[in-house]
Amino acid sequence: MSLPSEEAFTRLFRSLDEAERTAFVADLWAARGWETSIEGGAVVATRDGMERHLRVVDPGRVGVPALDDADTLAPARDRDAVRRAAERAGVRYVPPAVLYEQLRYAVDRETATTLFESTFEQPFDAPGPHVRPPVSERFRQFVAETPRTARNGFGEPRLALSVLLVVVLVGVVVAGPVLTPNEGDVPQVAENATAGTAGAGALGESSGPSDSATEATNSDGLPPGVGRSGITDLSRLLAAHEQRVIGRQRTLHVAATGPPNSSFMDSRTAWNYTVRVQRSYHYSFDMNYTYPSGGLSRNRSGADSVRIGVFANGGVNYRQRVDATGTSYLRYPTEAAGGAWTFTTEVTRYLQYFLSEEQSRISCTESGNGGAGIKTHSCRIVVTGAPATIPNAESYRATAVVNRNGVVTSLAVSYTLPDSDGDGAREPVQFTLSYESLDTTTIAEPAWLPEAKNATSESSSA
């Protein structure tokens, strides 16, 4: 069984007449929880006091459609000129690829199947030649199907080696970590180095992309995927972020606090980590996490807090684990854990989870560094109102700072979740990430490295 490819969906969507395309978009938005109607050839969608006016058009091979009465544009053809026009007008841009992504992942499969088959009059999930799912889908399937104990990092070295052998045989680069770093260290997950939307970052991160503002920014100097009204194309913004970070020296700080059963907490009440990258296989990773007293469902050692340190020297990774039971060390090939691009693809998933095109607003500062007379911008984006990924959140606020090339240099998120500990109060959640020392980060050997080498040498294990 196989689903249509993105290209096949685009061809089918383009083959519809204008009324059919408009009806499909109205039905898709309705399936996502909006009340929709078609007025004057446009889709009017309302939800939670918000109103959207979606114009569904085929812009043809030349020309740009009128955007006066629309805040969202769904073109039948994805053309750069149309995208730029939408960004200049502050109109959200939803090309066929994004519609297909929403059909597959933003609504349940039964609804998606019904909508697809009633519109295009062919099976959605049909027998046919095997089509290899995209990296992001393979990642989700791997996480869903792999037993939890098999994802505890390299506490299970036999699994690590078997995963490494399998992915090498099928030609997939081993990488990681998963969304929340697990208890072992930097976990191993079969993930292509070009994970996410960017398509950047080859094995070894041998070359980072140009940081040219004229390459990266919109024609009006705003970061990619950002318009005058807010985020207009989150996928494009995330692609630009990955492309502008992978291959560079950098320091990344990530931290989270919240109830143990909330997203990314993984039975913990707090965790934080810092990654310093000098080269793809030369990096350090330091993580601390805290479990609730008496609630150590994931903590094998019974300690309330654990500290993990990893040092990758280009060929071998050394890991230190410190908890109430003492200190232990592990040694394994750096390739088995993946290169430093894995930290960037993990950040992309955080950004996908916490940012939203809906209810985003923006303020930018100008500079004259764009060349050809183009002023460029560094922007502060604020998202209020919980994204679809956290439907039960309240008091939601996410603030991201984005530089002119699309690098999200910081993100701060806060919201509350329903009471989970019986005290009657909602549970606060906080999440932060930030980059620093881009292109200037260097790392030094940790003080514990000699002891780790001694403890994991062949002679000591014989």
Protein backbone atom coordinates (compact mmCIF):
# COMPACT_ATOMS: atom_id res chain seq x y z
CA MET A 1 0.00 0.00 0.00
CA SER A 2 1.26 3.50 -0.73
CA LEU A 3 0.06 7.07 -0.41
CA PRO A 4 0.34 9.49 -3.33
CA SER A 5 3.61 11.36 -3.54
CA GLU A 6 3.71 15.10 -2.96
CA GLU A 7 4.25 15.58 -6.71
CA ALA A 8 1.24 13.39 -7.52
CA PHE A 9 -0.96 15.34 -5.10
CA THR A 10 0.19 18.63 -6.64
CA ARG A 11 -0.73 17.39 -10.12
CA LEU A 12 -4.15 16.24 -8.93
CA PHE A 13 -4.82 19.51 -7.11
CA ARG A 14 -3.83 21.54 -10.17
CA SER A 15 -6.10 19.40 -12.40
CA LEU A 16 -9.22 20.54 -10.51
CA ASP A 17 -11.19 23.52 -11.68
CA GLU A 18 -11.26 26.62 -9.51
CA ALA A 19 -14.53 25.77 -7.77
CA GLU A 20 -13.33 22.24 -6.94
CA ARG A 21 -10.03 23.50 -5.55
CA THR A 22 -11.83 26.06 -3.41
CA ALA A 23 -14.23 23.41 -2.09
CA PHE A 24 -11.32 21.12 -1.23
CA VAL A 25 -9.55 23.85 0.76
CA ALA A 26 -12.79 24.71 2.56
CA ASP A 27 -13.31 21.06 3.48
CA LEU A 28 -9.70 20.69 4.62
CA TRP A 29 -9.94 23.70 6.90
CA ALA A 30 -13.26 22.38 8.24
CA ALA A 31 -11.59 19.05 9.01
CA ARG A 32 -9.01 21.00 11.03
CA GLY A 33 -11.70 22.50 13.25
CA TRP A 34 -12.66 25.69 11.42
CA GLU A 35 -16.16 26.74 10.44
CA THR A 36 -16.00 27.42 6.72
CA SER A 37 -18.11 28.93 3.98
CA ILE A 38 -17.43 30.00 0.40
CA GLU A 39 -18.23 33.63 -0.27
CA GLY A 40 -17.43 35.41 -3.51
CA GLY A 41 -15.21 32.54 -4.63
CA ALA A 42 -13.06 32.66 -1.47
CA VAL A 43 -13.06 30.51 1.64
CA VAL A 44 -14.04 32.25 4.87
CA ALA A 45 -12.86 30.27 7.91
CA THR A 46 -13.60 31.16 11.54
CA ARG A 47 -12.45 29.61 14.80
CA ASP A 48 -12.08 30.92 18.35
CA GLY A 49 -12.83 34.48 17.32
CA MET A 50 -10.36 34.41 14.41
CA GLU A 51 -11.40 34.85 10.80
CA ARG A 52 -9.40 33.88 7.73
CA HIS A 53 -10.05 34.78 4.10
CA LEU A 54 -8.42 32.18 1.85
CA ARG A 55 -8.03 32.84 -1.86
CA VAL A 56 -7.58 29.64 -3.92
CA VAL A 57 -6.24 30.43 -7.39
CA ASP A 58 -4.12 29.10 -10.23
CA PRO A 59 -1.63 31.91 -10.89
CA GLY A 60 -0.54 30.29 -14.16
CA ARG A 61 3.06 30.26 -15.30
CA VAL A 62 3.36 34.04 -15.25
CA GLY A 63 1.70 36.84 -13.38
CA VAL A 64 0.65 37.33 -9.77
CA PRO A 65 -2.93 37.05 -8.46
CA ALA A 66 -4.72 39.92 -6.73
CA LEU A 67 -4.33 39.72 -2.96
CA ASP A 68 -6.41 42.67 -1.81
CA ASP A 69 -9.14 40.74 0.00
CA ALA A 70 -7.16 37.74 1.26
CA ASP A 71 -4.98 37.00 4.27
CA THR A 72 -4.15 33.46 3.07
CA LEU A 73 -3.28 32.33 -0.47
CA ALA A 74 -3.52 28.73 -1.67
CA PRO A 75 -2.08 28.67 -5.22
CA ALA A 76 -2.35 25.67 -7.51
CA ARG A 77 1.28 26.29 -8.52
CA ASP A 78 4.16 26.99 -6.17
CA ARG A 79 6.04 29.86 -7.85
CA ASP A 80 8.68 32.06 -6.27
CA ALA A 81 7.18 35.24 -7.72
CA VAL A 82 3.80 34.46 -6.17
CA ARG A 83 5.41 33.53 -2.85
CA ARG A 84 7.31 36.83 -2.77
CA ALA A 85 4.19 38.81 -3.63
CA ALA A 86 2.31 37.14 -0.77
CA GLU A 87 5.13 37.87 1.66
CA ARG A 88 5.26 41.53 0.64
CA ALA A 89 1.50 41.78 1.19
CA GLY A 90 1.68 40.01 4.57
CA VAL A 91 -0.45 37.15 3.21
CA ARG A 92 0.07 33.58 4.42
CA TYR A 93 1.27 31.34 1.60
CA VAL A 94 -0.06 27.76 1.48
CA PRO A 95 1.19 25.94 -1.65
CA PRO A 96 0.05 22.41 -2.59
CA ALA A 97 2.91 20.82 -0.63
CA VAL A 98 1.64 22.40 2.58
CA LEU A 99 -1.96 21.41 1.81
CA TYR A 100 -0.80 17.82 1.36
CA GLU A 101 1.14 17.93 4.63
CA GLN A 102 -1.99 19.18 6.42
CA LEU A 103 -4.10 16.47 4.79
CA ARG A 104 -1.72 13.75 5.96
CA TYR A 105 -0.82 14.97 9.44
CA ALA A 106 -3.31 17.62 10.63
CA VAL A 107 -6.47 15.50 10.33
CA ASP A 108 -7.21 11.88 11.17
CA ARG A 109 -6.61 9.27 8.48
CA GLU A 110 -10.30 8.37 8.01
CA THR A 111 -11.24 12.01 7.37
CA ALA A 112 -8.23 12.51 5.09
CA THR A 113 -9.14 9.42 3.08
CA THR A 114 -12.76 10.51 2.68
CA LEU A 115 -11.80 14.02 1.62
CA PHE A 116 -9.15 12.85 -0.85
CA GLU A 117 -11.28 10.15 -2.46
CA SER A 118 -14.42 12.29 -2.74
CA THR A 119 -12.40 15.08 -4.38
CA PHE A 120 -10.05 13.20 -6.69
CA GLU A 121 -12.13 10.03 -7.25
CA GLN A 122 -9.27 7.64 -6.63
CA PRO A 123 -8.04 5.71 -3.59
CA PHE A 124 -5.93 7.61 -1.07
CA ASP A 125 -4.13 4.53 0.30
CA ALA A 126 -3.91 2.35 -2.78
CA PRO A 127 -2.00 -0.81 -3.75
CA GLY A 128 1.04 0.06 -5.76
CA PRO A 129 4.83 0.10 -5.80
CA HIS A 130 6.45 0.81 -2.48
CA VAL A 131 7.25 4.47 -2.04
CA ARG A 132 9.76 5.14 0.71
CA PRO A 133 8.25 7.58 3.23
CA PRO A 134 10.05 10.86 3.87
CA VAL A 135 12.67 11.00 6.62
CA SER A 136 10.36 12.76 9.08
CA GLU A 137 7.71 10.05 8.69
CA ARG A 138 10.26 7.24 9.09
CA PHE A 139 11.49 8.96 12.25
CA ARG A 140 7.98 9.13 13.73
CA GLN A 141 7.35 5.49 12.83
CA PHE A 142 10.66 4.42 14.38
CA VAL A 143 9.88 6.22 17.65
CA ALA A 144 6.32 4.86 17.74
CA GLU A 145 7.30 1.26 17.08
CA THR A 146 10.54 0.97 19.04
CA PRO A 147 10.14 -0.26 22.64
CA ARG A 148 10.90 2.49 25.16
CA THR A 149 13.76 0.48 26.63
CA ALA A 150 15.36 0.32 23.21
CA ARG A 151 15.61 4.12 23.10
CA ASN A 152 17.50 4.74 26.31
CA GLY A 153 20.67 5.65 24.44
CA PHE A 154 23.80 3.60 24.56
CA GLY A 155 22.94 1.96 27.87
CA GLU A 156 22.03 -0.85 25.42
CA PRO A 157 25.21 -1.15 23.31
CA ARG A 158 24.09 -4.30 21.49
CA LEU A 159 21.02 -2.49 20.18
CA ALA A 160 23.18 0.47 19.15
CA LEU A 161 25.43 -1.76 17.09
CA SER A 162 22.48 -3.56 15.47
CA VAL A 163 20.82 -0.27 14.56
CA LEU A 164 24.12 0.98 13.14
CA LEU A 165 24.58 -2.14 11.02
CA VAL A 166 21.02 -2.02 9.67
CA VAL A 167 21.12 1.61 8.66
CA VAL A 168 24.55 1.29 7.06
CA LEU A 169 23.25 -1.63 5.00
CA VAL A 170 20.28 0.35 3.69
CA GLY A 171 22.33 3.47 3.08
CA VAL A 172 20.84 5.71 5.77
CA VAL A 173 23.03 7.91 7.91
CA VAL A 174 22.69 7.26 11.64
CA ALA A 175 21.82 10.32 13.62
CA GLY A 176 19.86 11.57 16.64
CA PRO A 177 18.89 12.68 19.13
CA VAL A 178 15.17 12.19 19.46
CA LEU A 179 12.96 15.05 20.60
CA THR A 180 13.95 14.80 24.23
CA PRO A 181 17.46 13.51 24.89
CA ASN A 182 17.04 10.17 26.64
CA GLU A 183 18.78 8.84 29.69
CA GLY A 184 21.77 7.30 27.93
CA ASP A 185 23.29 10.31 26.18
CA VAL A 186 22.81 11.39 22.57
CA PRO A 187 20.42 8.63 21.46
CA GLN A 188 20.70 6.83 18.16
CA VAL A 189 17.84 7.06 15.68
CA ALA A 190 17.89 6.12 12.02
CA GLU A 191 17.63 9.55 10.48
CA ASN A 192 18.99 10.96 7.27
CA ALA A 193 21.42 13.85 7.66
CA THR A 194 19.06 15.92 5.54
CA ALA A 195 16.19 15.49 7.97
CA GLY A 196 13.45 18.04 8.15
CA THR A 197 12.54 20.48 5.43
CA ALA A 198 15.92 21.97 4.77
CA GLY A 199 17.68 19.30 2.78
CA ALA A 200 20.98 20.65 4.06
CA GLY A 201 23.87 19.11 5.90
CA ALA A 202 25.76 16.21 4.42
CA LEU A 203 27.69 13.65 6.40
CA GLY A 204 30.43 15.48 8.22
CA GLU A 205 28.88 18.94 7.82
CA SER A 206 31.79 19.65 5.55
CA SER A 207 30.53 23.01 4.40
CA GLY A 208 28.04 25.45 5.80
CA PRO A 209 25.89 27.60 3.52
CA SER A 210 26.67 31.15 2.59
CA ASP A 211 25.38 33.72 5.04
CA SER A 212 24.57 36.15 2.25
CA ALA A 213 21.55 38.26 3.07
CA THR A 214 20.55 38.49 -0.57
CA GLU A 215 20.42 34.69 -0.77
CA ALA A 216 18.50 34.18 2.41
CA THR A 217 16.09 37.04 2.89
CA ASN A 218 12.87 37.89 1.06
CA SER A 219 13.01 40.60 -1.55
CA ASP A 220 11.86 43.11 1.07
CA GLY A 221 14.67 42.13 3.45
CA LEU A 222 12.56 40.09 5.90
CA PRO A 223 13.68 36.61 7.01
CA PRO A 224 12.44 33.71 4.85
CA GLY A 225 8.88 32.68 5.64
CA VAL A 226 8.19 35.93 7.51
CA GLY A 227 5.87 38.69 6.32
CA ARG A 228 4.82 42.05 7.65
CA SER A 229 2.02 40.49 9.69
CA GLY A 230 3.91 37.52 11.17
CA ILE A 231 4.96 34.03 10.10
CA THR A 232 3.61 33.37 6.61
CA ASP A 233 5.36 30.07 5.82
CA LEU A 234 6.68 28.17 8.85
CA SER A 235 8.12 25.37 6.71
CA ARG A 236 10.24 27.85 4.76
CA LEU A 237 11.45 29.54 7.95
CA LEU A 238 12.49 26.18 9.43
CA ALA A 239 14.25 25.20 6.20
CA ALA A 240 16.22 28.44 6.26
CA HIS A 241 17.12 27.90 9.92
CA GLU A 242 18.54 24.43 9.26
CA GLN A 243 20.42 25.55 6.18
CA ARG A 244 22.01 28.47 8.01
CA VAL A 245 23.02 26.49 11.14
CA ILE A 246 24.23 23.12 9.89
CA GLY A 247 27.94 23.22 9.15
CA ARG A 248 28.73 26.11 11.52
CA GLN A 249 30.52 26.23 14.85
CA ARG A 250 27.90 26.96 17.48
CA THR A 251 26.78 26.70 21.09
CA LEU A 252 23.20 25.66 21.82
CA HIS A 253 21.40 25.89 25.17
CA VAL A 254 18.03 24.15 25.69
CA ALA A 255 16.02 23.91 28.93
CA ALA A 256 12.54 22.82 29.98
CA THR A 257 10.46 22.59 33.16
CA GLY A 258 6.95 21.25 33.58
CA PRO A 259 4.81 18.38 34.84
CA PRO A 260 6.38 14.96 34.19
CA ASN A 261 3.60 13.88 31.82
CA SER A 262 3.86 16.91 29.52
CA SER A 263 5.49 16.99 26.09
CA PHE A 264 9.27 16.55 26.05
CA MET A 265 9.47 16.02 29.83
CA ASP A 266 9.63 12.21 29.60
CA SER A 267 8.70 11.65 33.29
CA ARG A 268 11.05 14.42 34.46
CA THR A 269 10.27 17.74 36.08
CA ALA A 270 13.23 19.63 34.61
CA TRP A 271 16.06 19.12 32.14
CA ASN A 272 18.61 21.22 30.33
CA TYR A 273 21.52 20.67 28.01
CA THR A 274 24.29 22.57 26.30
CA VAL A 275 25.91 21.50 23.05
CA ARG A 276 29.15 22.99 21.74
CA VAL A 277 30.02 22.15 18.15
CA GLN A 278 33.44 22.78 16.63
CA ARG A 279 33.08 20.27 13.79
CA SER A 280 30.44 17.71 12.92
CA TYR A 281 32.20 14.90 14.81
CA HIS A 282 33.96 17.12 17.34
CA TYR A 283 31.47 18.36 19.91
CA SER A 284 30.55 18.24 23.58
CA PHE A 285 27.15 17.60 25.12
CA ASP A 286 26.29 18.27 28.78
CA MET A 287 22.87 17.48 30.18
CA ASN A 288 21.19 17.61 33.58
CA TYR A 289 17.75 16.28 34.37
CA THR A 290 15.61 15.93 37.47
CA TYR A 291 12.93 13.39 38.37
CA PRO A 292 10.13 13.91 40.88
CA SER A 293 10.93 12.31 44.21
CA GLY A 294 9.39 8.86 44.38
CA GLY A 295 8.30 9.00 40.75
CA LEU A 296 11.30 7.58 38.96
CA SER A 297 9.50 5.54 36.34
CA ARG A 298 12.25 6.09 33.77
CA ASN A 299 15.27 6.34 36.03
CA ARG A 300 17.05 3.01 36.41
CA SER A 301 19.35 4.21 39.17
CA GLY A 302 16.72 5.58 41.54
CA ALA A 303 18.44 8.98 41.64
CA ASP A 304 16.45 12.20 41.72
CA SER A 305 18.95 13.90 39.42
CA VAL A 306 21.33 12.71 36.73
CA ARG A 307 24.13 14.42 34.86
CA ILE A 308 25.34 13.24 31.46
CA GLY A 309 28.45 14.44 29.66
CA VAL A 310 29.54 13.41 26.16
CA PHE A 311 32.77 14.31 24.40
CA ALA A 312 33.15 13.49 20.69
CA ASN A 313 36.75 13.73 19.51
CA GLY A 314 36.17 12.97 15.85
CA GLY A 315 36.22 9.21 16.00
CA VAL A 316 35.24 8.06 19.50
CA ASN A 317 32.58 9.31 21.91
CA TYR A 318 33.19 9.15 25.65
CA ARG A 319 30.20 9.41 27.95
CA GLN A 320 30.14 10.17 31.66
CA ARG A 321 27.04 9.53 33.76
CA VAL A 322 26.81 10.82 37.33
CA ASP A 323 23.95 10.01 39.70
CA ALA A 324 23.38 9.02 43.32
CA THR A 325 24.84 5.57 42.72
CA GLY A 326 28.16 6.90 41.45
CA THR A 327 29.91 7.62 38.17
CA SER A 328 30.03 5.39 35.11
CA TYR A 329 31.64 5.68 31.69
CA LEU A 330 30.92 4.44 28.20
CA ARG A 331 32.89 4.50 24.96
CA TYR A 332 31.44 4.04 21.46
CA PRO A 333 32.10 5.14 17.83
CA THR A 334 31.13 8.74 17.12
CA GLU A 335 29.44 7.68 13.89
CA ALA A 336 27.03 5.52 15.90
CA ALA A 337 25.55 8.62 17.54
CA GLY A 338 25.50 10.76 14.41
CA GLY A 339 27.14 14.05 13.62
CA ALA A 340 26.29 17.41 15.10
CA TRP A 341 23.57 18.04 12.50
CA THR A 342 21.33 15.89 14.73
CA PHE A 343 21.10 18.71 17.27
CA THR A 344 19.90 21.07 14.54
CA THR A 345 17.17 18.73 13.32
CA GLU A 346 16.06 18.32 16.92
CA VAL A 347 15.75 22.10 17.27
CA THR A 348 13.68 22.14 14.08
CA ARG A 349 11.20 19.80 15.73
CA TYR A 350 10.99 22.03 18.78
CA LEU A 351 10.26 25.00 16.52
CA GLN A 352 7.62 23.05 14.61
CA TYR A 353 5.95 22.17 17.88
CA PHE A 354 5.94 25.59 19.54
CA LEU A 355 5.61 28.06 16.66
CA SER A 356 2.52 28.66 14.54
CA GLU A 357 1.50 30.82 11.63
CA GLU A 358 -1.76 31.49 13.45
CA GLN A 359 -1.89 34.37 15.92
CA SER A 360 1.69 35.45 15.29
CA ARG A 361 2.78 39.06 15.22
CA ILE A 362 6.12 40.59 14.45
CA SER A 363 8.35 43.56 15.10
CA CYS A 364 11.60 44.07 13.21
CA THR A 365 14.64 46.30 13.25
CA GLU A 366 16.28 47.37 10.00
CA SER A 367 19.90 47.35 8.92
CA GLY A 368 21.53 48.12 5.60
CA ASN A 369 23.44 44.88 5.11
CA GLY A 370 21.36 43.31 2.37
CA GLY A 371 23.28 44.57 -0.63
CA ALA A 372 21.77 46.14 -3.75
CA GLY A 373 20.11 48.73 -1.58
CA ILE A 374 17.99 46.15 0.27
CA LYS A 375 17.44 46.80 3.95
CA THR A 376 17.45 43.64 6.02
CA HIS A 377 15.71 42.89 9.27
CA SER A 378 16.16 41.09 12.54
CA CYS A 379 12.72 40.20 13.84
CA ARG A 380 11.00 39.38 17.10
CA ILE A 381 8.03 37.06 16.57
CA VAL A 382 5.40 36.57 19.27
CA VAL A 383 2.84 33.76 19.06
CA THR A 384 -0.17 33.92 21.39
CA GLY A 385 -2.90 31.34 21.53
CA ALA A 386 -1.98 27.67 21.78
CA PRO A 387 -0.90 25.97 18.55
CA ALA A 388 -2.72 22.84 17.39
CA THR A 389 0.07 20.72 18.91
CA ILE A 390 -0.97 21.78 22.47
CA PRO A 391 -4.77 22.08 22.38
CA ASN A 392 -5.22 22.14 26.17
CA ALA A 393 -2.68 24.92 26.82
CA GLU A 394 -3.70 28.27 28.27
CA SER A 395 -1.87 31.58 28.72
CA TYR A 396 0.30 30.55 25.78
CA ARG A 397 3.14 32.80 24.66
CA ALA A 398 6.12 31.96 22.46
CA THR A 399 8.71 34.59 21.60
CA ALA A 400 11.30 33.89 18.91
CA VAL A 401 14.13 36.13 17.70
CA VAL A 402 14.99 35.51 14.03
CA ASN A 403 17.95 37.06 12.25
CA ARG A 404 17.85 38.31 8.67
CA ASN A 405 18.82 34.90 7.24
CA GLY A 406 16.20 32.90 9.10
CA VAL A 407 18.29 31.64 12.02
CA VAL A 408 16.08 31.40 15.10
CA THR A 409 18.65 32.62 17.61
CA SER A 410 16.35 32.22 20.63
CA LEU A 411 12.95 30.89 21.63
CA ALA A 412 11.13 31.31 24.95
CA VAL A 413 7.82 29.55 25.56
CA SER A 414 5.47 29.58 28.54
CA TYR A 415 1.96 28.23 29.08
CA THR A 416 -0.12 26.22 31.55
CA LEU A 417 -1.64 22.75 31.36
CA PRO A 418 -4.55 21.22 33.30
CA ASP A 419 -3.89 20.21 36.91
CA SER A 420 -2.04 16.89 37.13
CA ASP A 421 -0.94 16.74 40.79
CA GLY A 422 -4.32 17.24 42.48
CA ASP A 423 -3.70 20.68 43.96
CA GLY A 424 -6.38 22.29 41.82
CA ALA A 425 -3.98 24.66 40.04
CA ARG A 426 -2.92 24.50 36.42
CA GLU A 427 0.62 23.31 35.77
CA PRO A 428 3.17 25.85 34.45
CA VAL A 429 5.45 24.85 31.56
CA GLN A 430 8.52 26.71 30.36
CA PHE A 431 10.83 25.98 27.45
CA THR A 432 13.82 27.96 26.19
CA LEU A 433 16.53 27.57 23.60
CA SER A 434 19.25 29.91 22.39
CA TYR A 435 22.28 29.93 20.12
CA GLU A 436 25.51 31.79 20.78
CA SER A 437 29.08 31.92 19.49
CA LEU A 438 28.06 31.14 15.90
CA ASP A 439 31.25 30.50 13.90
CA THR A 440 33.46 31.04 16.97
CA THR A 441 32.71 28.07 19.25
CA THR A 442 35.64 25.90 20.29
CA ILE A 443 35.65 23.01 22.74
CA ALA A 444 38.17 21.70 25.23
CA GLU A 445 38.61 18.22 26.62
CA PRO A 446 36.56 17.75 29.81
CA ALA A 447 38.38 17.15 33.07
CA TRP A 448 36.83 13.68 33.35
CA LEU A 449 38.17 12.47 29.96
CA PRO A 450 41.38 10.74 31.26
CA GLU A 451 39.31 8.75 33.75
CA ALA A 452 36.81 7.84 31.02
CA LYS A 453 39.60 6.63 28.72
CA ASN A 454 41.08 4.56 31.51
CA ALA A 455 37.75 3.05 32.55
CA THR A 456 36.77 2.11 29.00
CA SER A 457 40.14 0.92 27.67
CA GLU A 458 40.40 -2.63 26.36
CA SER A 459 42.82 -3.57 29.10
CA SER A 460 40.51 -2.41 31.87
CA SER A 461 37.54 -4.29 30.40
CA ALA A 462 39.47 -7.50 29.76
